[in-house]
Protein backbone atom coordinates (compact mmCIF):
# COMPACT_ATOMS: atom_id res chain seq x y z
CA MET A 1 -97.87 76.63 -200.71
CA PHE A 2 -95.83 77.32 -197.75
CA LEU A 3 -97.05 80.42 -195.95
CA GLY A 4 -94.19 81.39 -193.83
CA TRP A 5 -92.78 81.00 -190.29
CA ASP A 6 -96.12 80.64 -188.06
CA VAL A 7 -95.05 77.41 -186.02
CA TYR A 8 -91.95 76.92 -184.40
CA LYS A 9 -90.13 73.69 -182.31
CA VAL A 10 -89.25 74.61 -179.10
CA ALA A 11 -86.33 72.25 -177.19
CA VAL A 12 -85.02 72.18 -174.15
CA SER A 13 -82.99 70.06 -171.73
CA VAL A 14 -84.91 68.95 -168.77
CA PRO A 15 -83.78 67.27 -165.31
CA GLU A 16 -86.26 64.05 -165.23
CA SER A 17 -87.55 65.45 -161.41
CA HIS A 18 -88.97 68.34 -163.60
CA LEU A 19 -89.96 66.66 -166.64
CA GLN A 20 -93.55 66.57 -165.89
CA ALA A 21 -94.08 69.78 -164.69
CA VAL A 22 -92.46 71.62 -167.61
CA MET A 23 -95.22 69.68 -169.82
CA ASP A 24 -98.05 70.72 -167.57
CA SER A 25 -96.81 74.18 -167.35
CA LEU A 26 -97.76 74.63 -171.39
CA ASP A 27 -101.14 72.55 -171.17
CA GLY A 28 -102.95 76.01 -170.42
CA VAL A 29 -100.67 78.08 -172.71
CA VAL A 30 -100.45 76.84 -176.08
CA THR A 31 -103.48 75.52 -178.10
CA PRO A 32 -103.31 72.27 -179.84
CA ILE A 33 -101.61 72.41 -183.55
CA TYR A 34 -102.40 68.75 -184.41
CA PRO A 35 -106.45 68.58 -184.48
CA GLY A 36 -107.76 66.42 -182.05
CA TYR A 37 -104.96 66.10 -179.54
CA ASP A 38 -103.37 68.54 -177.10
CA HIS A 39 -100.17 67.79 -174.58
CA VAL A 40 -98.00 66.66 -177.46
CA PHE A 41 -94.82 66.16 -176.35
CA SER A 42 -91.21 64.17 -177.70
CA TRP A 43 -88.61 63.75 -175.53
CA TRP A 44 -85.54 61.25 -175.08
CA PRO A 45 -82.71 60.62 -172.55
CA VAL A 46 -79.49 63.02 -173.20
CA LYS A 47 -76.27 63.61 -171.37
CA GLY A 48 -75.78 67.33 -170.67
CA CYS A 49 -72.85 69.32 -169.37
CA TRP A 50 -71.72 72.61 -167.73
CA ARG A 51 -69.52 74.41 -165.99
CA PRO A 52 -71.12 77.27 -163.42
CA LEU A 53 -69.05 80.40 -163.12
CA GLU A 54 -68.47 82.59 -160.61
CA GLY A 55 -71.90 84.85 -159.71
CA SER A 56 -74.22 81.97 -161.14
CA ASP A 57 -76.77 80.01 -158.88
CA PRO A 58 -76.60 76.71 -160.33
CA TYR A 59 -79.61 74.34 -159.42
CA ASP A 60 -76.69 71.50 -160.25
CA GLY A 61 -73.16 71.70 -159.83
CA ARG A 62 -70.46 73.76 -158.22
CA ILE A 63 -68.65 76.84 -159.32
CA GLY A 64 -65.57 76.51 -161.36
CA GLU A 65 -66.30 72.83 -161.77
CA VAL A 66 -68.09 70.96 -164.84
CA THR A 67 -70.91 69.00 -163.99
CA CYS A 68 -72.60 66.36 -166.26
CA ALA A 69 -75.75 64.84 -165.58
CA ASP A 70 -78.66 62.56 -166.82
CA GLU A 71 -81.71 64.88 -168.63
CA PHE A 72 -84.46 64.46 -170.93
CA ARG A 73 -84.44 66.62 -174.11
CA LEU A 74 -87.71 67.84 -174.57
CA GLU A 75 -89.58 68.93 -178.05
CA PHE A 76 -93.06 70.11 -178.94
CA ALA A 77 -94.15 72.61 -181.51
CA VAL A 78 -95.98 76.24 -180.77
CA ARG A 79 -97.77 78.88 -182.86
CA SER A 80 -95.96 81.77 -183.41
CA GLY A 81 -98.41 84.11 -181.63
CA GLU A 82 -97.99 81.86 -178.16
CA LEU A 83 -94.44 81.54 -178.76
CA GLY A 84 -93.33 83.82 -175.88
CA ALA A 85 -95.75 82.73 -173.38
CA ALA A 86 -94.66 78.83 -174.03
CA VAL A 87 -90.97 79.97 -173.52
CA ASP A 88 -92.18 81.97 -170.06
CA ALA A 89 -93.96 78.77 -169.20
CA VAL A 90 -91.27 76.40 -169.69
CA ARG A 91 -88.74 79.07 -167.67
CA ARG A 92 -91.19 79.21 -164.81
CA ALA A 93 -91.28 75.50 -164.60
CA HIS A 94 -87.72 74.76 -165.23
CA PRO A 95 -85.50 74.44 -162.05
CA TYR A 96 -82.23 75.67 -163.87
CA GLU A 97 -81.16 79.35 -163.47
CA GLU A 98 -80.21 79.60 -167.45
CA PRO A 99 -82.35 76.61 -169.19
CA ALA A 100 -81.14 76.73 -172.64
CA ILE A 101 -84.13 76.61 -174.76
CA ASP A 102 -83.99 76.48 -178.41
CA VAL A 103 -86.36 77.88 -180.94
CA ILE A 104 -86.44 76.72 -184.35
CA PRO A 105 -88.66 77.61 -187.28
CA MET A 106 -90.96 74.95 -188.29
CA VAL A 107 -92.18 73.97 -191.69
CA PRO A 108 -95.61 72.38 -191.11
CA TRP A 109 -96.19 69.11 -192.86
CA LYS A 110 -99.48 69.68 -194.21
CA SER A 111 -98.19 72.95 -195.64
CA VAL A 112 -95.99 70.92 -198.16
CA THR A 113 -98.27 68.42 -199.45
CA ALA A 114 -101.94 68.98 -201.28
CA SER A 115 -103.35 65.36 -199.71
CA ASP A 116 -104.03 64.96 -195.80
CA GLY A 117 -100.96 62.31 -196.03
CA LYS A 118 -102.61 59.14 -195.95
């Protein structure tokens, strides 16, 4: 029944100040995956940690010093044909020089069940 990787989960940690902007940046870019719903995201608080190296231009922190900050982990699903545009939208709205964006192949639940799940 599984037809291949045509859907991906995208995850990125975002400072609270930019969470809504990152979500809004995707509204005109991704086609809804869940019938009857758009602007479908999950997020939860996380703690991020990084050390900017020489030559970087950090949004938060100082060169050579470890920085830990409160962030939100944001996740959403996207079709493969829109993956590049979705990642580009996240990068444009995200304040970090190098946001850590994870792209994970996803098996849509409706592709592994013969019923509507009810």
